[in-house]
N, C-alpha and C. Protein backbone atom coordinates (compact mmCIF):
# COMPACT_ATOMS: atom_id res chain seq x y z
N MET A 1 20.18 29.26 22.51
CA MET A 1 21.01 29.00 23.65
C MET A 1 20.18 29.25 24.90
N THR A 2 20.32 28.35 25.89
CA THR A 2 19.57 28.52 27.14
C THR A 2 20.55 28.56 28.31
N THR A 3 20.06 29.03 29.42
CA THR A 3 20.86 29.08 30.64
C THR A 3 20.97 27.66 31.22
N PRO A 4 21.95 27.42 32.09
CA PRO A 4 22.03 26.11 32.74
C PRO A 4 20.74 25.77 33.51
N GLU A 5 20.14 26.77 34.14
CA GLU A 5 18.91 26.54 34.91
C GLU A 5 17.78 26.07 33.99
N ARG A 6 17.64 26.74 32.85
CA ARG A 6 16.60 26.37 31.89
C ARG A 6 16.87 24.98 31.31
N THR A 7 18.14 24.68 31.07
CA THR A 7 18.51 23.36 30.57
C THR A 7 18.12 22.28 31.57
N LEU A 8 18.34 22.53 32.85
CA LEU A 8 17.95 21.57 33.88
C LEU A 8 16.44 21.34 33.87
N LEU A 9 15.69 22.42 33.72
CA LEU A 9 14.23 22.31 33.64
C LEU A 9 13.82 21.48 32.43
N ASP A 10 14.43 21.74 31.30
CA ASP A 10 14.13 20.99 30.08
C ASP A 10 14.53 19.52 30.22
N LEU A 11 15.66 19.25 30.87
CA LEU A 11 16.09 17.86 31.08
C LEU A 11 15.06 17.09 31.90
N GLY A 12 14.46 17.77 32.87
CA GLY A 12 13.45 17.12 33.71
C GLY A 12 12.27 16.59 32.91
N ALA A 13 12.05 17.15 31.75
CA ALA A 13 10.92 16.72 30.90
C ALA A 13 11.26 15.49 30.07
N VAL A 14 12.54 15.24 29.83
CA VAL A 14 12.88 14.16 28.90
C VAL A 14 13.82 13.10 29.47
N CYS A 15 14.36 13.31 30.67
CA CYS A 15 15.33 12.37 31.24
C CYS A 15 14.83 11.80 32.56
N HIS A 16 15.37 10.66 32.92
CA HIS A 16 15.08 10.05 34.21
C HIS A 16 15.58 10.97 35.32
N GLU A 17 14.94 10.92 36.45
CA GLU A 17 15.29 11.78 37.58
C GLU A 17 16.75 11.64 37.98
N SER A 18 17.31 10.45 37.88
CA SER A 18 18.72 10.25 38.26
C SER A 18 19.65 11.07 37.35
N VAL A 19 19.32 11.17 36.07
CA VAL A 19 20.13 11.96 35.13
C VAL A 19 20.02 13.45 35.46
N VAL A 20 18.82 13.89 35.79
CA VAL A 20 18.61 15.29 36.15
C VAL A 20 19.37 15.61 37.44
N GLU A 21 19.37 14.68 38.39
CA GLU A 21 20.10 14.91 39.64
C GLU A 21 21.60 15.01 39.38
N MET A 22 22.13 14.15 38.51
CA MET A 22 23.55 14.24 38.19
C MET A 22 23.88 15.57 37.51
N ALA A 23 22.99 16.02 36.62
CA ALA A 23 23.21 17.31 35.93
C ALA A 23 23.13 18.47 36.91
N LEU A 24 22.18 18.41 37.84
CA LEU A 24 22.04 19.45 38.86
C LEU A 24 23.29 19.51 39.74
N ASP A 25 23.76 18.34 40.18
CA ASP A 25 24.98 18.29 40.99
C ASP A 25 26.18 18.85 40.22
N ALA A 26 26.30 18.47 38.96
CA ALA A 26 27.42 18.95 38.14
C ALA A 26 27.35 20.46 37.95
N ALA A 27 26.15 20.99 37.72
CA ALA A 27 25.99 22.45 37.53
C ALA A 27 26.36 23.19 38.82
N GLU A 28 25.93 22.66 39.96
CA GLU A 28 26.28 23.30 41.23
C GLU A 28 27.78 23.20 41.50
N TYR A 29 28.35 22.02 41.30
CA TYR A 29 29.77 21.82 41.57
C TYR A 29 30.64 22.71 40.70
N ARG A 30 30.24 22.90 39.45
CA ARG A 30 31.03 23.71 38.52
C ARG A 30 30.66 25.19 38.57
N ASN A 31 29.82 25.55 39.53
CA ASN A 31 29.38 26.94 39.70
C ASN A 31 28.70 27.52 38.46
N LEU A 32 27.97 26.65 37.75
CA LEU A 32 27.20 27.11 36.59
C LEU A 32 25.81 27.57 37.01
N ALA A 33 25.36 27.04 38.14
CA ALA A 33 24.04 27.40 38.68
C ALA A 33 24.09 27.22 40.19
N THR A 34 23.23 27.96 40.87
CA THR A 34 23.09 27.80 42.32
C THR A 34 21.71 27.24 42.61
N ARG A 35 21.55 26.74 43.79
CA ARG A 35 20.23 26.24 44.19
C ARG A 35 19.20 27.36 44.05
N ALA A 36 19.59 28.56 44.48
CA ALA A 36 18.67 29.70 44.42
C ALA A 36 18.31 30.06 42.98
N SER A 37 19.29 30.02 42.08
CA SER A 37 18.99 30.38 40.68
C SER A 37 18.10 29.33 40.02
N VAL A 38 18.30 28.05 40.37
CA VAL A 38 17.45 27.00 39.82
C VAL A 38 16.03 27.13 40.38
N GLN A 39 15.93 27.41 41.68
CA GLN A 39 14.60 27.60 42.29
C GLN A 39 13.88 28.78 41.65
N ALA A 40 14.60 29.85 41.38
CA ALA A 40 13.99 31.03 40.76
C ALA A 40 13.49 30.70 39.35
N THR A 41 14.25 29.91 38.61
CA THR A 41 13.84 29.52 37.26
C THR A 41 12.59 28.64 37.32
N VAL A 42 12.56 27.71 38.26
CA VAL A 42 11.39 26.85 38.41
C VAL A 42 10.18 27.68 38.80
N ALA A 43 10.37 28.64 39.69
CA ALA A 43 9.25 29.51 40.10
C ALA A 43 8.74 30.34 38.92
N ARG A 44 9.66 30.82 38.09
CA ARG A 44 9.29 31.67 36.97
C ARG A 44 8.69 30.88 35.79
N LEU A 45 9.28 29.74 35.47
CA LEU A 45 8.88 29.01 34.27
C LEU A 45 8.11 27.72 34.53
N GLY A 46 8.19 27.23 35.76
CA GLY A 46 7.60 25.94 36.08
C GLY A 46 6.14 25.99 36.46
N LYS A 47 5.34 26.61 35.64
CA LYS A 47 3.90 26.71 35.91
C LYS A 47 3.24 25.33 35.78
N ARG A 48 2.06 25.22 36.26
CA ARG A 48 1.30 23.97 36.22
C ARG A 48 1.27 23.43 34.79
N GLY A 49 1.59 22.14 34.66
CA GLY A 49 1.60 21.50 33.36
C GLY A 49 2.93 21.59 32.64
N ARG A 50 3.89 22.33 33.17
CA ARG A 50 5.19 22.47 32.53
C ARG A 50 6.00 21.19 32.77
N ASN A 51 6.26 20.46 31.72
CA ASN A 51 7.04 19.23 31.83
C ASN A 51 8.43 19.53 32.39
N GLY A 52 8.85 18.71 33.33
CA GLY A 52 10.17 18.85 33.93
C GLY A 52 10.18 19.60 35.24
N ALA A 53 9.18 20.43 35.46
CA ALA A 53 9.15 21.24 36.68
C ALA A 53 8.99 20.37 37.93
N GLY A 54 8.16 19.36 37.86
CA GLY A 54 7.93 18.49 39.01
C GLY A 54 9.20 17.76 39.43
N THR A 55 9.93 17.25 38.46
CA THR A 55 11.18 16.55 38.74
C THR A 55 12.17 17.47 39.44
N LEU A 56 12.34 18.65 38.91
CA LEU A 56 13.29 19.60 39.49
C LEU A 56 12.83 20.06 40.87
N ARG A 57 11.52 20.28 41.05
CA ARG A 57 11.00 20.66 42.38
C ARG A 57 11.30 19.58 43.41
N ARG A 58 11.07 18.30 43.05
CA ARG A 58 11.32 17.19 43.98
C ARG A 58 12.80 17.14 44.38
N LEU A 59 13.68 17.29 43.40
CA LEU A 59 15.11 17.24 43.69
C LEU A 59 15.54 18.39 44.60
N LEU A 60 15.04 19.57 44.32
CA LEU A 60 15.39 20.73 45.15
C LEU A 60 14.83 20.60 46.56
N ALA A 61 13.61 20.10 46.67
CA ALA A 61 12.98 19.96 47.99
C ALA A 61 13.71 18.94 48.87
N ALA A 62 14.32 17.94 48.24
CA ALA A 62 14.99 16.89 49.00
C ALA A 62 16.38 17.30 49.50
N ARG A 63 16.88 18.43 49.03
CA ARG A 63 18.23 18.85 49.40
C ARG A 63 18.25 19.74 50.62
N GLU A 64 19.25 19.52 51.43
CA GLU A 64 19.46 20.42 52.57
C GLU A 64 20.05 21.72 52.03
N ARG A 65 19.77 22.79 52.71
CA ARG A 65 20.24 24.11 52.24
C ARG A 65 21.75 24.20 52.12
N GLU A 66 22.47 23.67 53.08
CA GLU A 66 23.92 23.82 53.11
C GLU A 66 24.65 22.64 52.48
N ARG A 67 23.95 21.80 51.79
CA ARG A 67 24.54 20.61 51.18
C ARG A 67 25.51 20.99 50.07
N ARG A 68 26.70 20.42 50.12
CA ARG A 68 27.66 20.60 49.03
C ARG A 68 27.30 19.64 47.91
N ALA A 69 27.63 20.00 46.72
CA ALA A 69 27.35 19.13 45.57
C ALA A 69 28.43 18.06 45.46
N PRO A 70 28.04 16.82 45.14
CA PRO A 70 29.05 15.79 44.87
C PRO A 70 29.92 16.23 43.70
N GLU A 71 31.16 15.74 43.67
CA GLU A 71 32.11 16.15 42.64
C GLU A 71 32.02 15.37 41.34
N SER A 72 31.30 14.25 41.34
CA SER A 72 31.25 13.44 40.13
C SER A 72 29.90 12.74 40.02
N GLU A 73 29.63 12.26 38.82
CA GLU A 73 28.40 11.51 38.60
C GLU A 73 28.37 10.25 39.46
N MET A 74 29.53 9.61 39.63
CA MET A 74 29.57 8.38 40.43
C MET A 74 29.27 8.67 41.90
N GLU A 75 29.69 9.81 42.39
CA GLU A 75 29.35 10.17 43.77
C GLU A 75 27.84 10.38 43.89
N THR A 76 27.24 10.99 42.89
CA THR A 76 25.78 11.16 42.90
C THR A 76 25.10 9.80 42.88
N MET A 77 25.61 8.89 42.05
CA MET A 77 25.04 7.54 41.99
C MET A 77 25.22 6.81 43.32
N LEU A 78 26.37 7.01 43.98
CA LEU A 78 26.61 6.41 45.29
C LEU A 78 25.57 6.89 46.30
N ILE A 79 25.32 8.18 46.32
CA ILE A 79 24.35 8.76 47.26
C ILE A 79 22.95 8.22 46.96
N ARG A 80 22.58 8.13 45.68
CA ARG A 80 21.28 7.55 45.31
C ARG A 80 21.18 6.09 45.76
N CYS A 81 22.27 5.36 45.62
CA CYS A 81 22.31 3.96 46.04
C CYS A 81 22.09 3.84 47.55
N LEU A 82 22.74 4.71 48.30
CA LEU A 82 22.56 4.69 49.76
C LEU A 82 21.11 4.99 50.12
N ARG A 83 20.52 5.98 49.46
CA ARG A 83 19.11 6.31 49.71
C ARG A 83 18.20 5.12 49.42
N ARG A 84 18.43 4.47 48.28
CA ARG A 84 17.59 3.31 47.89
C ARG A 84 17.68 2.19 48.91
N ASN A 85 18.79 2.11 49.64
CA ASN A 85 18.96 1.07 50.64
C ASN A 85 18.51 1.52 52.03
N GLY A 86 17.79 2.64 52.08
CA GLY A 86 17.19 3.07 53.33
C GLY A 86 18.06 3.91 54.24
N TRP A 87 19.23 4.32 53.76
CA TRP A 87 20.10 5.16 54.58
C TRP A 87 19.62 6.60 54.53
N PRO A 88 19.84 7.35 55.60
CA PRO A 88 19.49 8.78 55.56
C PRO A 88 20.41 9.50 54.58
N GLU A 89 20.03 10.68 54.20
CA GLU A 89 20.83 11.47 53.26
C GLU A 89 22.22 11.72 53.84
N PRO A 90 23.27 11.24 53.17
CA PRO A 90 24.61 11.53 53.68
C PRO A 90 25.01 12.95 53.33
N ALA A 91 26.02 13.44 54.00
CA ALA A 91 26.56 14.78 53.72
C ALA A 91 27.65 14.64 52.66
N PRO A 92 27.39 15.13 51.43
CA PRO A 92 28.42 15.03 50.39
C PRO A 92 29.57 16.00 50.65
N GLN A 93 30.75 15.60 50.21
CA GLN A 93 31.95 16.44 50.31
C GLN A 93 32.14 16.97 51.73
N TYR A 94 32.07 16.06 52.68
CA TYR A 94 32.13 16.42 54.10
C TYR A 94 33.58 16.58 54.55
N GLU A 95 33.85 17.66 55.27
CA GLU A 95 35.19 17.92 55.81
C GLU A 95 35.29 17.35 57.21
N ILE A 96 36.19 16.40 57.37
CA ILE A 96 36.46 15.82 58.69
C ILE A 96 37.54 16.67 59.34
N ARG A 97 37.24 17.08 60.56
CA ARG A 97 38.20 17.87 61.35
C ARG A 97 38.39 17.17 62.68
N HIS A 98 39.60 17.24 63.19
CA HIS A 98 39.91 16.66 64.49
C HIS A 98 40.59 17.73 65.33
N ARG A 99 39.92 18.10 66.41
CA ARG A 99 40.42 19.17 67.28
C ARG A 99 40.65 20.45 66.50
N GLY A 100 39.73 20.72 65.56
CA GLY A 100 39.78 21.94 64.77
C GLY A 100 40.72 21.90 63.57
N VAL A 101 41.44 20.80 63.39
CA VAL A 101 42.41 20.69 62.30
C VAL A 101 41.81 19.83 61.18
N PHE A 102 41.94 20.31 59.95
CA PHE A 102 41.44 19.58 58.79
C PHE A 102 42.17 18.24 58.66
N VAL A 103 41.38 17.17 58.48
CA VAL A 103 41.93 15.83 58.29
C VAL A 103 41.75 15.39 56.84
N ALA A 104 40.50 15.47 56.35
CA ALA A 104 40.21 15.03 54.98
C ALA A 104 38.82 15.51 54.59
N ARG A 105 38.61 15.61 53.29
CA ARG A 105 37.25 15.83 52.78
C ARG A 105 36.87 14.53 52.10
N VAL A 106 35.74 13.96 52.54
CA VAL A 106 35.32 12.64 52.03
C VAL A 106 34.11 12.81 51.12
N ASP A 107 33.90 11.82 50.24
CA ASP A 107 32.83 11.89 49.25
C ASP A 107 31.45 11.99 49.90
N ALA A 108 31.22 11.23 50.95
CA ALA A 108 29.94 11.26 51.66
C ALA A 108 30.20 10.86 53.11
N ALA A 109 29.40 11.39 54.01
CA ALA A 109 29.61 11.07 55.42
C ALA A 109 28.29 10.99 56.17
N PHE A 110 28.32 10.18 57.20
CA PHE A 110 27.24 10.11 58.18
C PHE A 110 27.87 10.59 59.50
N PRO A 111 27.91 11.91 59.69
CA PRO A 111 28.60 12.45 60.88
C PRO A 111 28.04 11.92 62.20
N GLN A 112 26.75 11.61 62.24
CA GLN A 112 26.15 11.13 63.48
C GLN A 112 26.76 9.80 63.94
N TRP A 113 27.36 9.04 63.00
CA TRP A 113 28.02 7.76 63.33
C TRP A 113 29.52 7.81 63.06
N ARG A 114 30.01 8.96 62.61
CA ARG A 114 31.42 9.13 62.26
C ARG A 114 31.86 8.13 61.19
N ILE A 115 30.99 7.95 60.19
CA ILE A 115 31.28 7.06 59.07
C ILE A 115 31.57 7.90 57.84
N ALA A 116 32.72 7.63 57.22
CA ALA A 116 33.14 8.31 55.98
C ALA A 116 33.05 7.31 54.84
N VAL A 117 32.32 7.66 53.78
CA VAL A 117 32.18 6.78 52.63
C VAL A 117 32.93 7.41 51.46
N GLU A 118 33.82 6.63 50.88
CA GLU A 118 34.62 7.08 49.75
C GLU A 118 34.32 6.22 48.53
N TYR A 119 34.12 6.86 47.39
CA TYR A 119 33.96 6.12 46.14
C TYR A 119 35.35 5.97 45.54
N ASP A 120 35.78 4.74 45.37
CA ASP A 120 37.11 4.46 44.84
C ASP A 120 36.99 4.03 43.38
N SER A 121 37.34 4.93 42.49
CA SER A 121 37.32 4.62 41.06
C SER A 121 38.69 4.11 40.63
N ASP A 122 38.72 3.32 39.57
CA ASP A 122 39.99 2.86 39.02
C ASP A 122 40.81 4.04 38.53
N GLU A 123 40.13 5.06 38.04
CA GLU A 123 40.80 6.22 37.46
C GLU A 123 41.67 6.96 38.48
N HIS A 124 41.16 7.13 39.69
CA HIS A 124 41.87 7.95 40.69
C HIS A 124 42.50 7.14 41.82
N HIS A 125 42.23 5.84 41.87
CA HIS A 125 42.69 5.06 43.02
C HIS A 125 43.44 3.79 42.63
N SER A 126 44.19 3.83 41.52
CA SER A 126 44.98 2.65 41.18
C SER A 126 46.44 3.05 41.02
N GLY A 127 47.28 2.09 41.22
CA GLY A 127 48.72 2.33 41.16
C GLY A 127 49.31 2.49 42.54
N ARG A 128 50.62 2.34 42.59
CA ARG A 128 51.32 2.37 43.88
C ARG A 128 51.19 3.72 44.59
N ARG A 129 51.39 4.82 43.87
CA ARG A 129 51.32 6.15 44.50
C ARG A 129 49.93 6.41 45.05
N ALA A 130 48.90 6.07 44.28
CA ALA A 130 47.53 6.27 44.73
C ALA A 130 47.23 5.40 45.95
N SER A 131 47.73 4.17 45.93
CA SER A 131 47.52 3.27 47.06
C SER A 131 48.16 3.81 48.34
N GLU A 132 49.38 4.32 48.21
CA GLU A 132 50.07 4.89 49.37
C GLU A 132 49.35 6.14 49.87
N ARG A 133 48.93 7.00 48.93
CA ARG A 133 48.20 8.22 49.30
C ARG A 133 46.88 7.87 50.00
N ASP A 134 46.13 6.91 49.42
CA ASP A 134 44.85 6.52 50.00
C ASP A 134 45.02 5.90 51.38
N ASN A 135 46.07 5.10 51.55
CA ASN A 135 46.31 4.47 52.84
C ASN A 135 46.65 5.52 53.90
N ASP A 136 47.51 6.46 53.54
CA ASP A 136 47.86 7.54 54.48
C ASP A 136 46.61 8.31 54.90
N ARG A 137 45.79 8.63 53.94
CA ARG A 137 44.54 9.37 54.20
C ARG A 137 43.60 8.56 55.11
N ARG A 138 43.45 7.27 54.78
CA ARG A 138 42.58 6.39 55.57
C ARG A 138 43.06 6.32 57.02
N LEU A 139 44.37 6.22 57.22
CA LEU A 139 44.92 6.16 58.57
C LEU A 139 44.66 7.46 59.34
N ARG A 140 44.74 8.60 58.65
CA ARG A 140 44.44 9.89 59.30
C ARG A 140 42.96 9.95 59.71
N ILE A 141 42.09 9.43 58.85
CA ILE A 141 40.65 9.41 59.15
C ILE A 141 40.38 8.53 60.37
N ILE A 142 41.00 7.37 60.41
CA ILE A 142 40.83 6.46 61.55
C ILE A 142 41.38 7.10 62.82
N ALA A 143 42.55 7.73 62.73
CA ALA A 143 43.16 8.37 63.90
C ALA A 143 42.27 9.49 64.45
N ALA A 144 41.45 10.08 63.59
CA ALA A 144 40.53 11.14 64.02
C ALA A 144 39.25 10.56 64.63
N GLY A 145 39.17 9.22 64.70
CA GLY A 145 38.02 8.58 65.33
C GLY A 145 36.86 8.28 64.37
N TRP A 146 37.15 8.27 63.08
CA TRP A 146 36.12 8.00 62.08
C TRP A 146 36.31 6.59 61.52
N PHE A 147 35.24 6.08 60.90
CA PHE A 147 35.24 4.75 60.29
C PHE A 147 35.14 4.91 58.77
N PRO A 148 36.23 4.68 58.03
CA PRO A 148 36.15 4.80 56.57
C PRO A 148 35.58 3.54 55.94
N VAL A 149 34.71 3.73 54.95
CA VAL A 149 34.13 2.63 54.18
C VAL A 149 34.33 2.97 52.71
N GLU A 150 34.87 2.02 51.96
CA GLU A 150 35.11 2.25 50.54
C GLU A 150 34.02 1.61 49.71
N ALA A 151 33.61 2.31 48.67
CA ALA A 151 32.61 1.80 47.73
C ALA A 151 33.23 1.81 46.34
N THR A 152 32.89 0.82 45.55
CA THR A 152 33.41 0.71 44.19
C THR A 152 32.25 0.68 43.20
N LEU A 153 32.59 0.71 41.93
CA LEU A 153 31.58 0.65 40.88
C LEU A 153 30.69 -0.59 41.02
N PRO A 154 31.24 -1.79 41.24
CA PRO A 154 30.35 -2.95 41.42
C PRO A 154 29.39 -2.79 42.60
N ASP A 155 29.86 -2.16 43.69
CA ASP A 155 28.97 -1.93 44.84
C ASP A 155 27.76 -1.11 44.43
N VAL A 156 28.00 -0.06 43.65
CA VAL A 156 26.91 0.83 43.23
C VAL A 156 26.03 0.15 42.18
N ARG A 157 26.67 -0.47 41.20
CA ARG A 157 25.91 -1.12 40.12
C ARG A 157 25.09 -2.30 40.59
N ASN A 158 25.56 -3.01 41.61
CA ASN A 158 24.86 -4.20 42.10
C ASN A 158 23.81 -3.87 43.15
N GLY A 159 23.43 -2.61 43.26
CA GLY A 159 22.36 -2.23 44.16
C GLY A 159 22.79 -1.83 45.55
N GLY A 160 24.04 -2.03 45.89
CA GLY A 160 24.55 -1.58 47.19
C GLY A 160 24.27 -2.51 48.35
N THR A 161 23.89 -3.76 48.08
CA THR A 161 23.58 -4.68 49.17
C THR A 161 24.79 -4.94 50.07
N ARG A 162 25.93 -5.27 49.45
CA ARG A 162 27.16 -5.52 50.24
C ARG A 162 27.61 -4.26 50.96
N LEU A 163 27.54 -3.13 50.26
CA LEU A 163 27.93 -1.85 50.85
C LEU A 163 27.05 -1.54 52.06
N SER A 164 25.76 -1.74 51.91
CA SER A 164 24.83 -1.48 53.00
C SER A 164 25.10 -2.38 54.20
N ALA A 165 25.42 -3.65 53.94
CA ALA A 165 25.75 -4.58 55.03
C ALA A 165 27.01 -4.12 55.76
N ALA A 166 28.00 -3.66 55.00
CA ALA A 166 29.24 -3.16 55.62
C ALA A 166 28.95 -1.92 56.46
N LEU A 167 28.11 -1.04 55.94
CA LEU A 167 27.76 0.16 56.70
C LEU A 167 27.02 -0.18 57.99
N ARG A 168 26.12 -1.15 57.93
CA ARG A 168 25.41 -1.57 59.15
C ARG A 168 26.40 -2.11 60.20
N ALA A 169 27.38 -2.90 59.74
CA ALA A 169 28.38 -3.44 60.66
C ALA A 169 29.22 -2.32 61.28
N VAL A 170 29.61 -1.36 60.47
CA VAL A 170 30.41 -0.23 60.99
C VAL A 170 29.58 0.62 61.93
N ARG A 171 28.31 0.83 61.58
CA ARG A 171 27.43 1.63 62.46
C ARG A 171 27.28 0.95 63.81
N ALA A 172 27.19 -0.39 63.83
CA ALA A 172 27.09 -1.12 65.10
C ALA A 172 28.35 -0.92 65.94
N LYS A 173 29.52 -0.91 65.29
CA LYS A 173 30.78 -0.66 66.00
C LYS A 173 30.83 0.77 66.53
N ALA A 174 30.30 1.70 65.74
CA ALA A 174 30.33 3.11 66.11
C ALA A 174 29.42 3.40 67.30
N ALA A 175 28.38 2.59 67.46
CA ALA A 175 27.41 2.82 68.55
C ALA A 175 27.93 2.35 69.85
């Protein structure tokens, strides 16, 4: 049996970086490991030539200290898709506040442009009740002066070209 931190290190040796990133996000989100505990494990066990250490070091180095972990694998994939399309690192699980009052927590945000990106899965966003809930939430986000953009599985799987074009259009409006 190994610790979650050691498992992440071992995954880095045998899995693609995207899989390791999803596992790292899941471990952080579920409070199985912290950034500090993973860094300590890499420092202790990730000596030169240790397979997996380089992957984990790159992932840790790319993260902001106060970054929240995405809540799902699809949110991690969404963030990777945005990066691949040249967007700066979005803030995952960002809390939108208006005049100090909580409005919503969104999957990813570009606060500098007041753009909120939400991943809409069929699992959590289908049916009449979900549609009404999502619409109410979207209206609150707009009323707070933010621009909501929805992303779906096809957007992420198809490379994010349409999503990126929509974000560019919204960013132009925000400017």
